[in-house]
N, C-alpha and C. Protein backbone atom coordinates (compact mmCIF):
# COMPACT_ATOMS: atom_id res chain seq x y z
N MET A 1 106.88 161.84 14.00
CA MET A 1 107.16 162.10 15.41
C MET A 1 106.67 160.95 16.29
N THR A 2 105.55 160.34 15.97
CA THR A 2 105.06 159.24 16.76
C THR A 2 105.99 158.04 16.68
N LYS A 3 106.65 157.85 15.54
CA LYS A 3 107.58 156.75 15.42
C LYS A 3 108.76 156.95 16.36
N LYS A 4 109.25 158.16 16.47
CA LYS A 4 110.37 158.43 17.37
C LYS A 4 109.99 158.19 18.82
N LEU A 5 108.80 158.60 19.20
CA LEU A 5 108.36 158.36 20.57
C LEU A 5 108.24 156.87 20.84
N HIS A 6 107.72 156.14 19.86
CA HIS A 6 107.60 154.70 20.02
C HIS A 6 108.98 154.06 20.18
N GLN A 7 109.93 154.49 19.40
CA GLN A 7 111.28 153.94 19.48
C GLN A 7 111.91 154.27 20.83
N LEU A 8 111.65 155.44 21.35
CA LEU A 8 112.20 155.83 22.66
C LEU A 8 111.61 154.98 23.77
N SER A 9 110.31 154.70 23.70
CA SER A 9 109.70 153.90 24.75
C SER A 9 110.20 152.46 24.72
N VAL A 10 110.48 151.94 23.54
CA VAL A 10 111.01 150.60 23.44
C VAL A 10 112.44 150.56 23.96
N ALA A 11 113.19 151.62 23.76
CA ALA A 11 114.59 151.66 24.15
C ALA A 11 114.79 151.94 25.63
N MET A 12 113.70 152.22 26.38
CA MET A 12 113.85 152.51 27.80
C MET A 12 114.35 151.28 28.54
N PRO A 13 115.23 151.46 29.48
CA PRO A 13 115.75 150.31 30.22
C PRO A 13 114.68 149.69 31.11
N PRO A 14 114.74 148.38 31.32
CA PRO A 14 113.73 147.73 32.15
C PRO A 14 113.87 148.04 33.63
N ALA A 15 114.87 148.78 34.04
CA ALA A 15 115.08 149.10 35.45
C ALA A 15 113.92 149.90 36.02
N THR A 16 113.26 150.71 35.19
CA THR A 16 112.13 151.49 35.69
C THR A 16 110.97 150.59 36.09
N ALA A 17 110.79 149.49 35.38
CA ALA A 17 109.72 148.56 35.73
C ALA A 17 110.06 147.83 37.03
N LYS A 18 111.31 147.52 37.25
CA LYS A 18 111.71 146.82 38.46
C LYS A 18 111.62 147.71 39.70
N SER A 19 111.80 149.00 39.53
CA SER A 19 111.79 149.88 40.69
C SER A 19 110.41 149.94 41.35
N LYS A 20 109.35 149.58 40.64
CA LYS A 20 108.02 149.60 41.21
C LYS A 20 107.75 148.38 42.08
N LYS A 21 108.52 147.31 41.92
CA LYS A 21 108.34 146.11 42.72
C LYS A 21 108.84 146.34 44.13
N LYS A 22 108.21 145.67 45.07
CA LYS A 22 108.66 145.74 46.45
C LYS A 22 109.91 144.89 46.60
N SER A 23 110.80 145.33 47.45
CA SER A 23 111.99 144.54 47.68
C SER A 23 111.64 143.36 48.59
N ILE A 24 112.33 142.26 48.40
CA ILE A 24 112.09 141.06 49.19
C ILE A 24 113.09 141.04 50.32
N THR A 25 112.60 140.93 51.53
CA THR A 25 113.45 140.87 52.70
C THR A 25 113.67 139.42 53.08
N LEU A 26 114.91 138.98 52.99
CA LEU A 26 115.24 137.60 53.33
C LEU A 26 115.38 137.46 54.83
N VAL A 27 115.00 136.29 55.32
CA VAL A 27 115.10 135.97 56.74
C VAL A 27 116.08 134.82 56.87
N SER A 28 116.92 134.86 57.89
CA SER A 28 117.85 133.77 58.12
C SER A 28 117.06 132.52 58.49
N THR A 29 117.36 131.40 57.84
CA THR A 29 116.64 130.16 58.11
C THR A 29 117.39 129.28 59.11
N GLU A 30 118.46 129.79 59.67
CA GLU A 30 119.19 129.02 60.67
C GLU A 30 118.34 128.93 61.94
N PRO A 31 118.41 127.81 62.65
CA PRO A 31 117.64 127.69 63.90
C PRO A 31 118.06 128.75 64.92
N LEU A 32 117.12 129.15 65.74
CA LEU A 32 117.41 130.14 66.78
C LEU A 32 118.37 129.56 67.81
N THR A 33 119.27 130.39 68.29
CA THR A 33 120.15 129.97 69.37
C THR A 33 119.42 130.13 70.69
N SER A 34 119.94 129.54 71.75
CA SER A 34 119.28 129.66 73.06
C SER A 34 119.28 131.11 73.54
N GLU A 35 120.31 131.88 73.17
CA GLU A 35 120.35 133.29 73.55
C GLU A 35 119.25 134.07 72.83
N GLU A 36 119.03 133.77 71.53
CA GLU A 36 117.99 134.45 70.78
C GLU A 36 116.61 134.09 71.32
N ILE A 37 116.41 132.84 71.69
CA ILE A 37 115.13 132.42 72.26
C ILE A 37 114.86 133.17 73.55
N ALA A 38 115.87 133.28 74.40
CA ALA A 38 115.71 134.00 75.66
C ALA A 38 115.38 135.47 75.40
N LEU A 39 116.03 136.06 74.41
CA LEU A 39 115.77 137.46 74.07
C LEU A 39 114.35 137.63 73.52
N TYR A 40 113.94 136.75 72.60
CA TYR A 40 112.61 136.85 71.99
C TYR A 40 111.51 136.70 73.03
N LYS A 41 111.73 135.84 74.03
CA LYS A 41 110.73 135.66 75.08
C LYS A 41 110.57 136.92 75.93
N GLN A 42 111.63 137.71 76.05
CA GLN A 42 111.58 138.92 76.88
C GLN A 42 111.01 140.12 76.13
N LEU A 43 111.07 140.10 74.80
CA LEU A 43 110.59 141.24 74.03
C LEU A 43 109.07 141.36 74.13
N PRO A 44 108.55 142.58 74.26
CA PRO A 44 107.10 142.73 74.33
C PRO A 44 106.41 142.45 73.00
N ALA A 45 107.09 142.67 71.88
CA ALA A 45 106.50 142.43 70.57
C ALA A 45 107.59 142.02 69.60
N LEU A 46 107.25 141.10 68.70
CA LEU A 46 108.19 140.62 67.70
C LEU A 46 107.81 141.16 66.33
N THR A 47 108.82 141.50 65.53
CA THR A 47 108.58 141.93 64.16
C THR A 47 108.30 140.70 63.30
N LEU A 48 107.82 140.93 62.07
CA LEU A 48 107.58 139.80 61.17
C LEU A 48 108.88 139.09 60.80
N GLU A 49 109.98 139.82 60.77
CA GLU A 49 111.27 139.19 60.50
C GLU A 49 111.64 138.22 61.63
N GLN A 50 111.41 138.63 62.87
CA GLN A 50 111.69 137.76 64.01
C GLN A 50 110.75 136.55 64.01
N VAL A 51 109.48 136.76 63.66
CA VAL A 51 108.54 135.65 63.56
C VAL A 51 109.00 134.69 62.46
N GLY A 52 109.52 135.24 61.37
CA GLY A 52 110.05 134.41 60.29
C GLY A 52 111.22 133.56 60.76
N ARG A 53 112.06 134.11 61.63
CA ARG A 53 113.16 133.32 62.20
C ARG A 53 112.62 132.18 63.04
N ILE A 54 111.59 132.44 63.82
CA ILE A 54 111.00 131.40 64.67
C ILE A 54 110.43 130.29 63.80
N LEU A 55 109.71 130.67 62.74
CA LEU A 55 109.03 129.70 61.88
C LEU A 55 109.93 129.16 60.76
N GLN A 56 111.14 129.67 60.67
CA GLN A 56 112.12 129.28 59.66
C GLN A 56 111.58 129.46 58.24
N LYS A 57 111.03 130.64 57.99
CA LYS A 57 110.57 131.01 56.65
C LYS A 57 111.69 131.78 55.95
N ARG A 58 111.66 131.79 54.63
CA ARG A 58 112.73 132.43 53.86
C ARG A 58 112.56 133.95 53.73
N THR A 59 111.31 134.44 53.62
CA THR A 59 111.11 135.87 53.41
C THR A 59 110.03 136.40 54.36
N VAL A 60 110.09 137.70 54.58
CA VAL A 60 109.07 138.36 55.40
C VAL A 60 107.73 138.31 54.67
N GLU A 61 107.76 138.31 53.33
CA GLU A 61 106.53 138.26 52.56
C GLU A 61 105.77 136.95 52.81
N GLN A 62 106.51 135.84 52.99
CA GLN A 62 105.87 134.57 53.30
C GLN A 62 105.16 134.64 54.66
N VAL A 63 105.80 135.29 55.62
CA VAL A 63 105.20 135.44 56.95
C VAL A 63 103.98 136.34 56.85
N TYR A 64 104.08 137.42 56.09
CA TYR A 64 102.96 138.33 55.92
C TYR A 64 101.76 137.60 55.32
N GLU A 65 101.98 136.75 54.33
CA GLU A 65 100.88 135.99 53.73
C GLU A 65 100.24 135.07 54.76
N MET A 66 101.01 134.58 55.71
CA MET A 66 100.45 133.71 56.75
C MET A 66 99.57 134.48 57.73
N THR A 67 99.66 135.80 57.74
CA THR A 67 98.83 136.61 58.63
C THR A 67 97.49 136.97 58.00
N ARG A 68 97.36 136.78 56.70
CA ARG A 68 96.16 137.18 55.98
C ARG A 68 94.96 136.37 56.44
N ALA A 69 93.79 136.96 56.42
CA ALA A 69 92.55 136.29 56.84
C ALA A 69 92.23 135.10 55.94
N ARG A 70 92.69 135.13 54.70
CA ARG A 70 92.40 134.03 53.78
C ARG A 70 93.27 132.80 54.03
N ALA A 71 94.28 132.91 54.89
CA ALA A 71 95.12 131.77 55.22
C ALA A 71 94.31 130.74 55.99
N ALA A 72 94.68 129.49 55.87
CA ALA A 72 93.95 128.42 56.57
C ALA A 72 93.99 128.65 58.09
N ARG A 73 95.13 128.98 58.61
CA ARG A 73 95.30 129.29 60.03
C ARG A 73 96.11 130.58 60.13
N PRO A 74 95.47 131.75 60.12
CA PRO A 74 96.22 133.00 60.16
C PRO A 74 97.05 133.14 61.43
N LEU A 75 98.24 133.68 61.27
CA LEU A 75 99.10 133.95 62.42
C LEU A 75 98.46 135.04 63.28
N PRO A 76 98.57 134.94 64.60
CA PRO A 76 98.02 135.99 65.47
C PRO A 76 98.95 137.20 65.48
N VAL A 77 98.47 138.31 64.96
CA VAL A 77 99.27 139.53 64.90
C VAL A 77 98.42 140.73 65.31
N PHE A 78 99.10 141.82 65.61
CA PHE A 78 98.43 143.08 65.87
C PHE A 78 99.22 144.18 65.19
N ARG A 79 98.56 145.31 64.98
CA ARG A 79 99.22 146.45 64.34
C ARG A 79 99.89 147.32 65.38
N SER A 80 101.11 147.71 65.06
CA SER A 80 101.84 148.69 65.85
C SER A 80 102.25 149.77 64.87
N GLY A 81 101.44 150.81 64.77
CA GLY A 81 101.66 151.81 63.73
C GLY A 81 101.31 151.20 62.39
N LYS A 82 102.25 151.20 61.46
CA LYS A 82 102.03 150.60 60.15
C LYS A 82 102.52 149.16 60.08
N GLU A 83 103.20 148.69 61.12
CA GLU A 83 103.80 147.36 61.08
C GLU A 83 102.95 146.33 61.81
N LEU A 84 103.06 145.09 61.36
CA LEU A 84 102.42 143.97 62.05
C LEU A 84 103.41 143.39 63.05
N ARG A 85 102.91 143.04 64.23
CA ARG A 85 103.75 142.46 65.27
C ARG A 85 103.01 141.30 65.92
N SER A 86 103.74 140.49 66.68
CA SER A 86 103.16 139.41 67.44
C SER A 86 103.98 139.23 68.71
N THR A 87 103.56 138.29 69.54
CA THR A 87 104.32 138.01 70.76
C THR A 87 104.78 136.57 70.75
N TRP A 88 105.80 136.29 71.54
CA TRP A 88 106.33 134.94 71.65
C TRP A 88 105.24 133.96 72.09
N GLY A 89 104.48 134.35 73.11
CA GLY A 89 103.43 133.48 73.64
C GLY A 89 102.37 133.15 72.61
N LYS A 90 101.93 134.15 71.85
CA LYS A 90 100.90 133.93 70.83
C LYS A 90 101.41 133.01 69.71
N ILE A 91 102.66 133.17 69.32
CA ILE A 91 103.24 132.31 68.29
C ILE A 91 103.35 130.88 68.81
N GLN A 92 103.77 130.72 70.06
CA GLN A 92 103.87 129.38 70.65
C GLN A 92 102.50 128.71 70.72
N GLU A 93 101.47 129.46 71.12
CA GLU A 93 100.10 128.92 71.16
C GLU A 93 99.65 128.50 69.77
N TRP A 94 99.96 129.33 68.76
CA TRP A 94 99.58 129.05 67.38
C TRP A 94 100.24 127.75 66.91
N ILE A 95 101.51 127.56 67.24
CA ILE A 95 102.23 126.34 66.85
C ILE A 95 101.62 125.13 67.55
N GLU A 96 101.35 125.25 68.85
CA GLU A 96 100.77 124.13 69.61
C GLU A 96 99.39 123.76 69.10
N GLU A 97 98.57 124.75 68.72
CA GLU A 97 97.25 124.47 68.16
C GLU A 97 97.38 123.70 66.84
N GLY A 98 98.40 124.03 66.06
CA GLY A 98 98.64 123.31 64.81
C GLY A 98 98.98 121.86 65.06
N PHE A 99 99.81 121.60 66.08
CA PHE A 99 100.12 120.21 66.43
C PHE A 99 98.88 119.48 66.91
N ALA A 100 98.05 120.15 67.70
CA ALA A 100 96.83 119.52 68.21
C ALA A 100 95.86 119.19 67.08
N GLU A 101 95.74 120.09 66.09
CA GLU A 101 94.85 119.84 64.96
C GLU A 101 95.33 118.65 64.14
N ARG A 102 96.63 118.52 63.98
CA ARG A 102 97.16 117.41 63.20
C ARG A 102 97.01 116.08 63.93
N ALA A 103 97.09 116.12 65.26
CA ALA A 103 96.98 114.90 66.05
C ALA A 103 95.53 114.40 66.10
N ALA A 104 94.57 115.32 65.99
CA ALA A 104 93.16 114.94 66.09
C ALA A 104 92.65 114.26 64.86
């Protein structure tokens, strides 16, 4: 009986292992249009996907890693419920500080 159970576990499709992985959310890497910039400036809070568009990152996971405390320069974010958010002004300040650090 143990041999049959072993054979069944080997024969299981690998799809069950993949279902435990988080899905990767892709972000458009195209530059923002002037209309999108105007809209983002008016929004009270930006999602990580929108921040990814500003920073031209490929995935939301890359942006999330940039918010971690262990990052060299963590992105300025705040929690809104379970989600992380930021503002246009804070992202602009973060970018300008990066330019200033490189120039110094």
